[in-house]
Amino acid sequence: MKKSLGAQTLIFPTPTWVVGTYDKDGRANAMTAAWGGICCSDPPCLAVSLRKATYSHGSLLARRAFTVSVPSESHVREADYFGLVSGRDTDKFSATGLTPVRGELVDAPYVEEFPMVLECCVLHVFELGLHTQFVGQIMDVKVDEAVLGSQGRPEIEKVRPFVFSPGDRVYHRVGAFLGHAFAIGKET
C-alpha cells in the first residue's frame, strides 16, 4: 500500500547542474540547480527552473543565454557551494578555484573543470509561481575527450554525474548498468 505524502517536489532522479550566466557587469556567475531536464528533441532543448530571488535569474533574463555544466563526483563540494552563496556578493569561481570559460556560441560562461557542458539560448520563459522556467535551445554540447567512449559519445561511468535527492537533501552517485534502452523491454 502506498502512503500519500501530499503535493511536494519529490521525484527521482533530479540532476545536479551548474547554470552559468554573466551579470550586468560581465562578471561570470554560476548557481546549482536541480529543477531541470531535457524537454524537447527537435530542436534539442532543456528546461531549468530558477527562483526569482536568485542573482542568476535576472542575468539569465537579461542575456537570454546560459550554460549547464555537469559536475562529476570529484566536484561535489564545489557544486554544492555554487548553490550556497549568492553571486551578488561572492565571486564563486575565485572562491572555489574553478575556471570560468566564455561560451563559444552563447553569451554565458561554463565551468572548465566539469566534464560536460551545454550551451543554450533562451527560447521560452514561463512564470510558474516561485520559480521561472527557462527553456533553452541546446546550441552545443561540449565534452572532455577523457569521458568519451568508443562510439564518440559521453559515457556516464566516466562523466560520473551525481543526482540530488530533494526529500532528504543529499547527493547520490549514479548507479550500475541495468540494460540497453529500447531493447531490454523486448525480453518481457
N, C-alpha and C. Protein backbone atom coordinates (compact mmCIF):
# COMPACT_ATOMS: atom_id res chain seq x y z
N MET A 1 0.84 -1.18 0.00
CA MET A 1 0.00 0.00 0.00
C MET A 1 0.89 1.25 0.00
N LYS A 2 0.50 2.21 -0.78
CA LYS A 2 1.25 3.46 -0.86
C LYS A 2 0.68 4.48 0.10
N LYS A 3 1.56 5.29 0.70
CA LYS A 3 1.16 6.34 1.63
C LYS A 3 1.21 7.68 0.91
N SER A 4 0.17 8.48 1.00
CA SER A 4 0.15 9.81 0.40
C SER A 4 1.05 10.75 1.19
N LEU A 5 1.92 11.45 0.47
CA LEU A 5 2.79 12.45 1.09
C LEU A 5 2.36 13.86 0.73
N GLY A 6 1.30 13.99 -0.05
CA GLY A 6 0.82 15.30 -0.44
C GLY A 6 1.61 15.87 -1.61
N ALA A 7 1.24 17.08 -2.01
CA ALA A 7 1.90 17.73 -3.15
C ALA A 7 3.26 18.26 -2.71
N GLN A 8 4.32 17.67 -3.23
CA GLN A 8 5.69 18.04 -2.88
C GLN A 8 6.57 17.90 -4.10
N THR A 9 7.77 18.45 -4.02
CA THR A 9 8.75 18.32 -5.11
C THR A 9 9.62 17.09 -4.87
N LEU A 10 8.99 15.94 -4.86
CA LEU A 10 9.70 14.68 -4.67
C LEU A 10 9.62 13.86 -5.96
N ILE A 11 10.76 13.68 -6.60
CA ILE A 11 10.85 12.85 -7.81
C ILE A 11 12.30 12.40 -7.92
N PHE A 12 12.49 11.24 -8.49
CA PHE A 12 13.86 10.74 -8.72
C PHE A 12 14.05 10.46 -10.19
N PRO A 13 15.18 10.69 -10.76
CA PRO A 13 16.26 11.49 -10.18
C PRO A 13 16.07 12.97 -10.50
N THR A 14 16.74 13.81 -9.76
CA THR A 14 16.84 15.22 -10.11
C THR A 14 18.31 15.50 -10.35
N PRO A 15 18.62 16.24 -11.38
CA PRO A 15 20.03 16.45 -11.72
C PRO A 15 20.72 17.41 -10.75
N THR A 16 22.02 17.40 -10.79
CA THR A 16 22.81 18.45 -10.15
C THR A 16 23.50 19.15 -11.30
N TRP A 17 22.99 20.32 -11.64
CA TRP A 17 23.53 21.11 -12.73
C TRP A 17 24.07 22.42 -12.18
N VAL A 18 25.05 22.98 -12.87
CA VAL A 18 25.54 24.31 -12.53
C VAL A 18 25.25 25.21 -13.73
N VAL A 19 24.38 26.19 -13.50
CA VAL A 19 23.91 27.09 -14.55
C VAL A 19 24.81 28.32 -14.56
N GLY A 20 25.41 28.60 -15.72
CA GLY A 20 26.33 29.72 -15.85
C GLY A 20 25.70 30.89 -16.58
N THR A 21 25.94 32.11 -16.06
CA THR A 21 25.46 33.35 -16.68
C THR A 21 26.51 34.44 -16.46
N TYR A 22 26.38 35.51 -17.23
CA TYR A 22 27.14 36.73 -16.96
C TYR A 22 26.18 37.74 -16.37
N ASP A 23 26.63 38.50 -15.38
CA ASP A 23 25.79 39.54 -14.81
C ASP A 23 25.87 40.81 -15.65
N LYS A 24 25.22 41.86 -15.22
CA LYS A 24 25.14 43.11 -15.99
C LYS A 24 26.51 43.74 -16.20
N ASP A 25 27.48 43.42 -15.34
CA ASP A 25 28.84 43.95 -15.47
C ASP A 25 29.76 43.01 -16.23
N GLY A 26 29.21 41.91 -16.74
CA GLY A 26 30.01 40.94 -17.48
C GLY A 26 30.80 39.97 -16.61
N ARG A 27 30.46 39.92 -15.32
CA ARG A 27 31.15 39.02 -14.39
C ARG A 27 30.53 37.63 -14.46
N ALA A 28 31.38 36.61 -14.55
CA ALA A 28 30.91 35.22 -14.60
C ALA A 28 30.29 34.82 -13.27
N ASN A 29 29.15 34.15 -13.35
CA ASN A 29 28.47 33.66 -12.17
C ASN A 29 27.93 32.27 -12.50
N ALA A 30 27.70 31.49 -11.47
CA ALA A 30 27.13 30.15 -11.64
C ALA A 30 26.33 29.79 -10.41
N MET A 31 25.28 29.03 -10.61
CA MET A 31 24.48 28.55 -9.48
C MET A 31 24.07 27.10 -9.71
N THR A 32 23.91 26.38 -8.64
CA THR A 32 23.47 25.00 -8.72
C THR A 32 21.96 24.95 -8.85
N ALA A 33 21.48 24.09 -9.73
CA ALA A 33 20.04 23.92 -9.95
C ALA A 33 19.72 22.44 -10.10
N ALA A 34 18.59 22.05 -9.53
CA ALA A 34 18.16 20.66 -9.64
C ALA A 34 16.85 20.52 -10.38
N TRP A 35 16.11 21.61 -10.55
CA TRP A 35 14.82 21.53 -11.23
C TRP A 35 15.06 21.69 -12.72
N GLY A 36 15.34 20.58 -13.40
CA GLY A 36 15.60 20.67 -14.82
C GLY A 36 15.61 19.32 -15.51
N GLY A 37 15.61 19.38 -16.84
CA GLY A 37 15.68 18.16 -17.63
C GLY A 37 15.52 18.47 -19.11
N ILE A 38 15.73 17.47 -19.92
CA ILE A 38 15.51 17.58 -21.37
C ILE A 38 14.02 17.75 -21.58
N CYS A 39 13.62 18.66 -22.48
CA CYS A 39 12.19 18.89 -22.68
C CYS A 39 11.77 18.82 -24.14
N CYS A 40 12.72 18.71 -25.09
CA CYS A 40 12.36 18.60 -26.50
C CYS A 40 13.53 17.98 -27.26
N SER A 41 13.20 17.15 -28.26
CA SER A 41 14.22 16.52 -29.09
C SER A 41 14.58 17.35 -30.31
N ASP A 42 13.57 17.99 -30.91
CA ASP A 42 13.81 18.73 -32.14
C ASP A 42 12.99 20.01 -32.14
N PRO A 43 13.59 21.18 -31.87
CA PRO A 43 15.01 21.36 -31.66
C PRO A 43 15.42 20.82 -30.28
N PRO A 44 16.69 20.45 -30.13
CA PRO A 44 17.13 19.94 -28.84
C PRO A 44 17.03 21.04 -27.78
N CYS A 45 16.26 20.78 -26.72
CA CYS A 45 16.05 21.78 -25.67
C CYS A 45 16.11 21.14 -24.30
N LEU A 46 16.47 21.96 -23.33
CA LEU A 46 16.36 21.59 -21.94
C LEU A 46 15.61 22.69 -21.21
N ALA A 47 15.07 22.34 -20.06
CA ALA A 47 14.38 23.32 -19.23
C ALA A 47 15.04 23.33 -17.86
N VAL A 48 15.19 24.51 -17.31
CA VAL A 48 15.70 24.66 -15.96
C VAL A 48 14.87 25.74 -15.28
N SER A 49 14.52 25.50 -14.02
CA SER A 49 13.70 26.44 -13.28
C SER A 49 14.51 27.07 -12.15
N LEU A 50 14.48 28.42 -12.10
CA LEU A 50 15.21 29.16 -11.08
C LEU A 50 14.24 30.03 -10.30
N ARG A 51 14.52 30.18 -9.02
CA ARG A 51 13.73 31.11 -8.21
C ARG A 51 14.04 32.54 -8.64
N LYS A 52 13.04 33.39 -8.61
CA LYS A 52 13.21 34.79 -9.00
C LYS A 52 14.19 35.51 -8.09
N ALA A 53 14.33 35.05 -6.85
CA ALA A 53 15.21 35.70 -5.88
C ALA A 53 16.70 35.47 -6.17
N THR A 54 17.02 34.52 -7.05
CA THR A 54 18.44 34.25 -7.30
C THR A 54 19.05 35.33 -8.18
N TYR A 55 20.33 35.54 -8.00
CA TYR A 55 21.06 36.52 -8.80
C TYR A 55 21.11 36.08 -10.26
N SER A 56 21.22 34.79 -10.49
CA SER A 56 21.29 34.25 -11.85
C SER A 56 20.01 34.51 -12.64
N HIS A 57 18.88 34.53 -11.96
CA HIS A 57 17.59 34.72 -12.63
C HIS A 57 17.59 36.00 -13.47
N GLY A 58 17.97 37.11 -12.87
CA GLY A 58 17.98 38.39 -13.59
C GLY A 58 18.99 38.40 -14.72
N SER A 59 20.15 37.80 -14.49
CA SER A 59 21.17 37.74 -15.53
C SER A 59 20.71 36.91 -16.72
N LEU A 60 20.05 35.82 -16.43
CA LEU A 60 19.57 34.94 -17.49
C LEU A 60 18.50 35.64 -18.32
N LEU A 61 17.61 36.36 -17.65
CA LEU A 61 16.58 37.11 -18.37
C LEU A 61 17.21 38.19 -19.25
N ALA A 62 18.21 38.88 -18.74
CA ALA A 62 18.82 39.98 -19.48
C ALA A 62 19.65 39.49 -20.67
N ARG A 63 20.41 38.42 -20.48
CA ARG A 63 21.31 37.94 -21.54
C ARG A 63 20.66 36.95 -22.50
N ARG A 64 19.56 36.31 -22.05
CA ARG A 64 18.85 35.33 -22.87
C ARG A 64 19.76 34.17 -23.29
N ALA A 65 20.72 33.86 -22.44
CA ALA A 65 21.65 32.77 -22.70
C ALA A 65 22.14 32.20 -21.38
N PHE A 66 22.49 30.90 -21.39
CA PHE A 66 23.04 30.26 -20.20
C PHE A 66 23.76 28.99 -20.62
N THR A 67 24.56 28.48 -19.71
CA THR A 67 25.19 27.18 -19.90
C THR A 67 24.74 26.27 -18.77
N VAL A 68 24.82 24.99 -19.02
CA VAL A 68 24.64 23.99 -17.98
C VAL A 68 25.91 23.16 -17.94
N SER A 69 26.63 23.26 -16.84
CA SER A 69 27.82 22.45 -16.63
C SER A 69 27.43 21.28 -15.75
N VAL A 70 27.84 20.08 -16.15
CA VAL A 70 27.52 18.86 -15.40
C VAL A 70 28.75 18.47 -14.59
N PRO A 71 28.69 18.64 -13.26
CA PRO A 71 29.86 18.30 -12.44
C PRO A 71 29.99 16.80 -12.26
N SER A 72 31.22 16.36 -12.05
CA SER A 72 31.45 14.96 -11.70
C SER A 72 31.51 14.82 -10.19
N GLU A 73 31.49 13.60 -9.72
CA GLU A 73 31.53 13.33 -8.28
C GLU A 73 32.71 14.02 -7.60
N SER A 74 33.81 14.16 -8.31
CA SER A 74 35.00 14.76 -7.71
C SER A 74 34.82 16.25 -7.40
N HIS A 75 33.77 16.86 -7.92
CA HIS A 75 33.49 18.27 -7.66
C HIS A 75 32.18 18.50 -6.91
N VAL A 76 31.77 17.53 -6.10
CA VAL A 76 30.51 17.66 -5.37
C VAL A 76 30.55 18.85 -4.40
N ARG A 77 31.68 19.08 -3.75
CA ARG A 77 31.78 20.20 -2.80
C ARG A 77 31.61 21.54 -3.51
N GLU A 78 32.30 21.69 -4.63
CA GLU A 78 32.23 22.95 -5.38
C GLU A 78 30.82 23.17 -5.93
N ALA A 79 30.22 22.12 -6.45
CA ALA A 79 28.86 22.24 -6.98
C ALA A 79 27.89 22.64 -5.87
N ASP A 80 28.03 22.06 -4.71
CA ASP A 80 27.18 22.42 -3.59
C ASP A 80 27.42 23.87 -3.19
N TYR A 81 28.66 24.30 -3.16
CA TYR A 81 29.00 25.68 -2.81
C TYR A 81 28.33 26.67 -3.75
N PHE A 82 28.31 26.36 -5.05
CA PHE A 82 27.67 27.24 -6.02
C PHE A 82 26.20 27.48 -5.69
N GLY A 83 25.58 26.58 -4.94
CA GLY A 83 24.19 26.75 -4.55
C GLY A 83 24.01 27.35 -3.16
N LEU A 84 25.10 27.51 -2.42
CA LEU A 84 25.00 28.02 -1.05
C LEU A 84 25.15 29.53 -0.92
N VAL A 85 25.90 30.14 -1.83
CA VAL A 85 26.18 31.57 -1.72
C VAL A 85 25.64 32.30 -2.94
N SER A 86 25.43 33.59 -2.82
CA SER A 86 24.90 34.38 -3.92
C SER A 86 26.03 35.04 -4.70
N GLY A 87 25.86 35.09 -6.01
CA GLY A 87 26.79 35.78 -6.87
C GLY A 87 26.69 37.29 -6.75
N ARG A 88 25.68 37.78 -6.03
CA ARG A 88 25.56 39.23 -5.81
C ARG A 88 26.78 39.78 -5.09
N ASP A 89 27.27 38.98 -4.11
CA ASP A 89 28.37 39.47 -3.29
C ASP A 89 29.55 38.51 -3.19
N THR A 90 29.54 37.44 -3.99
CA THR A 90 30.63 36.47 -3.93
C THR A 90 31.05 36.09 -5.34
N ASP A 91 32.35 36.10 -5.59
CA ASP A 91 32.88 35.56 -6.84
C ASP A 91 33.09 34.06 -6.61
N LYS A 92 32.12 33.28 -7.03
CA LYS A 92 32.13 31.84 -6.75
C LYS A 92 33.29 31.12 -7.43
N PHE A 93 33.67 31.60 -8.61
CA PHE A 93 34.79 30.96 -9.30
C PHE A 93 36.09 31.16 -8.53
N SER A 94 36.35 32.38 -8.07
CA SER A 94 37.55 32.64 -7.28
C SER A 94 37.54 31.85 -5.99
N ALA A 95 36.38 31.81 -5.33
CA ALA A 95 36.27 31.12 -4.05
C ALA A 95 36.53 29.62 -4.17
N THR A 96 36.13 29.01 -5.29
CA THR A 96 36.30 27.57 -5.46
C THR A 96 37.58 27.20 -6.20
N GLY A 97 38.21 28.17 -6.85
CA GLY A 97 39.39 27.88 -7.66
C GLY A 97 39.06 27.28 -9.01
N LEU A 98 37.77 27.28 -9.37
CA LEU A 98 37.36 26.75 -10.67
C LEU A 98 37.48 27.85 -11.73
N THR A 99 37.50 27.43 -12.99
CA THR A 99 37.78 28.35 -14.09
C THR A 99 36.55 28.63 -14.93
N PRO A 100 36.14 29.92 -15.04
CA PRO A 100 35.05 30.24 -15.96
C PRO A 100 35.59 30.36 -17.38
N VAL A 101 34.88 29.77 -18.33
CA VAL A 101 35.27 29.84 -19.74
C VAL A 101 34.10 30.43 -20.51
N ARG A 102 34.38 31.40 -21.36
CA ARG A 102 33.35 32.03 -22.18
C ARG A 102 32.82 31.01 -23.19
N GLY A 103 31.49 30.89 -23.24
CA GLY A 103 30.88 30.01 -24.23
C GLY A 103 31.24 30.46 -25.63
N GLU A 104 31.37 29.50 -26.52
CA GLU A 104 31.71 29.82 -27.90
C GLU A 104 30.50 30.29 -28.70
N LEU A 105 29.31 29.76 -28.35
CA LEU A 105 28.11 30.05 -29.13
C LEU A 105 27.07 30.88 -28.41
N VAL A 106 27.21 31.02 -27.10
CA VAL A 106 26.26 31.81 -26.32
C VAL A 106 27.00 32.75 -25.38
N ASP A 107 26.30 33.77 -24.93
CA ASP A 107 26.87 34.79 -24.06
C ASP A 107 26.75 34.36 -22.59
N ALA A 108 27.47 33.29 -22.25
CA ALA A 108 27.42 32.75 -20.89
C ALA A 108 28.69 31.93 -20.64
N PRO A 109 29.12 31.87 -19.38
CA PRO A 109 30.32 31.09 -19.04
C PRO A 109 29.97 29.66 -18.63
N TYR A 110 30.97 28.79 -18.72
CA TYR A 110 30.81 27.44 -18.19
C TYR A 110 32.00 27.11 -17.30
N VAL A 111 31.93 25.99 -16.61
CA VAL A 111 32.98 25.56 -15.69
C VAL A 111 33.94 24.63 -16.42
N GLU A 112 35.16 25.09 -16.64
CA GLU A 112 36.17 24.31 -17.38
C GLU A 112 36.40 22.93 -16.79
N GLU A 113 36.44 22.81 -15.49
CA GLU A 113 36.81 21.56 -14.83
C GLU A 113 35.70 20.51 -14.86
N PHE A 114 34.49 20.87 -15.20
CA PHE A 114 33.39 19.91 -15.25
C PHE A 114 33.40 19.23 -16.62
N PRO A 115 33.16 17.92 -16.67
CA PRO A 115 33.37 17.16 -17.90
C PRO A 115 32.37 17.38 -19.04
N MET A 116 31.24 18.00 -18.75
CA MET A 116 30.20 18.12 -19.77
C MET A 116 29.53 19.47 -19.65
N VAL A 117 29.31 20.13 -20.80
CA VAL A 117 28.73 21.47 -20.82
C VAL A 117 27.73 21.57 -21.97
N LEU A 118 26.60 22.22 -21.72
CA LEU A 118 25.62 22.50 -22.76
C LEU A 118 25.48 24.02 -22.86
N GLU A 119 25.61 24.55 -24.07
CA GLU A 119 25.42 25.98 -24.31
C GLU A 119 24.00 26.18 -24.83
N CYS A 120 23.25 27.10 -24.20
CA CYS A 120 21.83 27.25 -24.50
C CYS A 120 21.43 28.71 -24.73
N CYS A 121 20.53 28.91 -25.69
CA CYS A 121 19.87 30.19 -25.92
C CYS A 121 18.43 30.07 -25.43
N VAL A 122 17.94 31.08 -24.74
CA VAL A 122 16.59 31.03 -24.20
C VAL A 122 15.56 31.10 -25.33
N LEU A 123 14.68 30.12 -25.38
CA LEU A 123 13.57 30.09 -26.35
C LEU A 123 12.27 30.56 -25.72
N HIS A 124 12.03 30.11 -24.48
CA HIS A 124 10.77 30.42 -23.81
C HIS A 124 11.04 30.67 -22.33
N VAL A 125 10.19 31.51 -21.75
CA VAL A 125 10.24 31.80 -20.32
C VAL A 125 8.83 31.64 -19.78
N PHE A 126 8.67 30.80 -18.77
CA PHE A 126 7.36 30.55 -18.18
C PHE A 126 7.40 30.88 -16.70
N GLU A 127 6.51 31.76 -16.28
CA GLU A 127 6.38 32.08 -14.85
C GLU A 127 5.50 31.00 -14.23
N LEU A 128 6.03 30.31 -13.22
CA LEU A 128 5.32 29.18 -12.65
C LEU A 128 4.88 29.39 -11.21
N GLY A 129 5.19 30.50 -10.62
CA GLY A 129 4.94 30.72 -9.19
C GLY A 129 6.25 31.18 -8.58
N LEU A 130 6.78 30.41 -7.64
CA LEU A 130 8.05 30.75 -7.01
C LEU A 130 9.21 30.67 -8.00
N HIS A 131 9.08 29.84 -9.01
CA HIS A 131 10.14 29.63 -10.00
C HIS A 131 9.74 30.15 -11.38
N THR A 132 10.75 30.46 -12.16
CA THR A 132 10.60 30.75 -13.58
C THR A 132 11.28 29.62 -14.33
N GLN A 133 10.58 29.06 -15.29
CA GLN A 133 11.18 28.00 -16.10
C GLN A 133 11.73 28.61 -17.38
N PHE A 134 13.01 28.33 -17.63
CA PHE A 134 13.68 28.78 -18.84
C PHE A 134 13.88 27.57 -19.74
N VAL A 135 13.31 27.65 -20.93
CA VAL A 135 13.54 26.60 -21.92
C VAL A 135 14.65 27.11 -22.83
N GLY A 136 15.72 26.37 -22.87
CA GLY A 136 16.86 26.76 -23.68
C GLY A 136 17.11 25.80 -24.81
N GLN A 137 17.31 26.35 -26.00
CA GLN A 137 17.69 25.52 -27.12
C GLN A 137 19.17 25.19 -26.96
N ILE A 138 19.49 23.92 -27.04
CA ILE A 138 20.87 23.47 -26.89
C ILE A 138 21.60 23.76 -28.20
N MET A 139 22.55 24.68 -28.13
CA MET A 139 23.31 25.08 -29.30
C MET A 139 24.55 24.20 -29.51
N ASP A 140 25.07 23.66 -28.41
CA ASP A 140 26.24 22.80 -28.49
C ASP A 140 26.37 22.03 -27.19
N VAL A 141 26.94 20.84 -27.29
CA VAL A 141 27.32 20.04 -26.13
C VAL A 141 28.83 19.85 -26.24
N LYS A 142 29.54 20.23 -25.19
CA LYS A 142 30.99 20.09 -25.15
C LYS A 142 31.32 19.04 -24.08
N VAL A 143 32.21 18.12 -24.44
CA VAL A 143 32.53 17.02 -23.54
C VAL A 143 34.03 16.81 -23.53
N ASP A 144 34.61 16.65 -22.35
CA ASP A 144 36.03 16.31 -22.25
C ASP A 144 36.27 15.00 -22.97
N GLU A 145 37.33 14.96 -23.77
CA GLU A 145 37.64 13.74 -24.53
C GLU A 145 37.85 12.53 -23.62
N ALA A 146 38.32 12.77 -22.41
CA ALA A 146 38.59 11.67 -21.47
C ALA A 146 37.33 10.90 -21.06
N VAL A 147 36.15 11.50 -21.23
CA VAL A 147 34.91 10.82 -20.82
C VAL A 147 34.14 10.25 -22.02
N LEU A 148 34.74 10.34 -23.20
CA LEU A 148 34.10 9.77 -24.39
C LEU A 148 34.39 8.29 -24.49
N GLY A 149 33.41 7.54 -24.98
CA GLY A 149 33.58 6.12 -25.20
C GLY A 149 34.01 5.83 -26.62
N SER A 150 34.03 4.57 -26.97
CA SER A 150 34.49 4.15 -28.30
C SER A 150 33.58 4.65 -29.42
N GLN A 151 32.33 4.97 -29.11
CA GLN A 151 31.39 5.48 -30.10
C GLN A 151 31.45 7.00 -30.23
N GLY A 152 32.35 7.63 -29.46
CA GLY A 152 32.48 9.08 -29.51
C GLY A 152 31.39 9.81 -28.73
N ARG A 153 30.71 9.11 -27.85
CA ARG A 153 29.64 9.68 -27.03
C ARG A 153 30.09 9.66 -25.56
N PRO A 154 29.58 10.59 -24.74
CA PRO A 154 29.95 10.56 -23.32
C PRO A 154 29.43 9.29 -22.65
N GLU A 155 30.26 8.72 -21.79
CA GLU A 155 29.87 7.53 -21.03
C GLU A 155 29.60 7.95 -19.59
N ILE A 156 28.44 7.59 -19.09
CA ILE A 156 28.01 8.02 -17.76
C ILE A 156 29.00 7.57 -16.68
N GLU A 157 29.61 6.39 -16.86
CA GLU A 157 30.57 5.90 -15.88
C GLU A 157 31.84 6.75 -15.85
N LYS A 158 32.13 7.43 -16.94
CA LYS A 158 33.31 8.30 -17.00
C LYS A 158 32.97 9.74 -16.59
N VAL A 159 31.79 10.22 -16.95
CA VAL A 159 31.36 11.56 -16.56
C VAL A 159 31.16 11.60 -15.04
N ARG A 160 30.60 10.55 -14.49
CA ARG A 160 30.32 10.42 -13.05
C ARG A 160 29.48 11.56 -12.50
N PRO A 161 28.32 11.85 -13.17
CA PRO A 161 27.43 12.87 -12.63
C PRO A 161 26.81 12.36 -11.33
N PHE A 162 26.23 13.26 -10.59
CA PHE A 162 25.52 12.84 -9.38
C PHE A 162 24.16 13.52 -9.35
N VAL A 163 23.27 12.95 -8.57
CA VAL A 163 21.91 13.45 -8.51
C VAL A 163 21.61 13.96 -7.10
N PHE A 164 20.58 14.79 -7.04
CA PHE A 164 20.13 15.40 -5.80
C PHE A 164 18.85 14.71 -5.36
N SER A 165 18.76 14.39 -4.10
CA SER A 165 17.54 13.81 -3.53
C SER A 165 16.82 14.91 -2.76
N PRO A 166 15.72 15.47 -3.33
CA PRO A 166 15.08 16.62 -2.70
C PRO A 166 14.43 16.33 -1.35
N GLY A 167 13.99 15.11 -1.12
CA GLY A 167 13.31 14.80 0.14
C GLY A 167 14.23 14.90 1.35
N ASP A 168 15.41 14.33 1.23
CA ASP A 168 16.35 14.35 2.35
C ASP A 168 17.54 15.27 2.12
N ARG A 169 17.54 15.97 0.95
CA ARG A 169 18.55 16.99 0.64
C ARG A 169 19.97 16.43 0.71
N VAL A 170 20.20 15.35 -0.06
CA VAL A 170 21.52 14.73 -0.15
C VAL A 170 21.84 14.45 -1.61
N TYR A 171 23.12 14.22 -1.88
CA TYR A 171 23.58 13.86 -3.22
C TYR A 171 23.88 12.36 -3.26
N HIS A 172 23.63 11.76 -4.43
CA HIS A 172 23.94 10.34 -4.63
C HIS A 172 24.64 10.17 -5.97
N ARG A 173 25.51 9.19 -6.04
CA ARG A 173 26.12 8.87 -7.32
C ARG A 173 25.13 8.07 -8.15
N VAL A 174 25.37 8.03 -9.45
CA VAL A 174 24.53 7.28 -10.37
C VAL A 174 24.93 5.81 -10.27
N GLY A 175 23.95 4.93 -10.33
CA GLY A 175 24.18 3.50 -10.11
C GLY A 175 24.67 2.71 -11.30
N ALA A 176 24.63 1.40 -11.12
CA ALA A 176 25.18 0.44 -12.07
C ALA A 176 24.30 0.27 -13.32
N PHE A 177 24.91 -0.21 -14.38
CA PHE A 177 24.25 -0.52 -15.64
C PHE A 177 23.16 -1.56 -15.41
N LEU A 178 21.98 -1.34 -16.02
CA LEU A 178 20.86 -2.27 -15.89
C LEU A 178 20.51 -2.98 -17.20
N GLY A 179 20.69 -2.30 -18.31
CA GLY A 179 20.33 -2.88 -19.59
C GLY A 179 20.25 -1.80 -20.65
N HIS A 180 20.13 -2.22 -21.89
CA HIS A 180 20.06 -1.29 -23.01
C HIS A 180 18.63 -0.80 -23.22
N ALA A 181 18.47 0.52 -23.30
CA ALA A 181 17.16 1.11 -23.55
C ALA A 181 16.65 0.69 -24.93
N PHE A 182 15.36 0.59 -25.06
CA PHE A 182 14.69 0.19 -26.29
C PHE A 182 15.05 -1.24 -26.70
N ALA A 183 15.58 -2.01 -25.75
CA ALA A 183 15.93 -3.40 -26.04
C ALA A 183 15.54 -4.31 -24.89
N ILE A 184 15.86 -3.92 -23.67
CA ILE A 184 15.61 -4.80 -22.52
C ILE A 184 14.12 -5.13 -22.37
N GLY A 185 13.27 -4.17 -22.75
CA GLY A 185 11.82 -4.41 -22.67
C GLY A 185 11.33 -5.48 -23.63
N LYS A 186 12.08 -5.73 -24.68
CA LYS A 186 11.69 -6.77 -25.64
C LYS A 186 11.84 -8.16 -25.08
N GLU A 187 12.55 -8.26 -23.94
CA GLU A 187 12.74 -9.56 -23.31
C GLU A 187 11.56 -9.96 -22.44
N THR A 188 10.56 -9.11 -22.35
CA THR A 188 9.39 -9.39 -21.50
C THR A 188 8.48 -10.40 -22.16
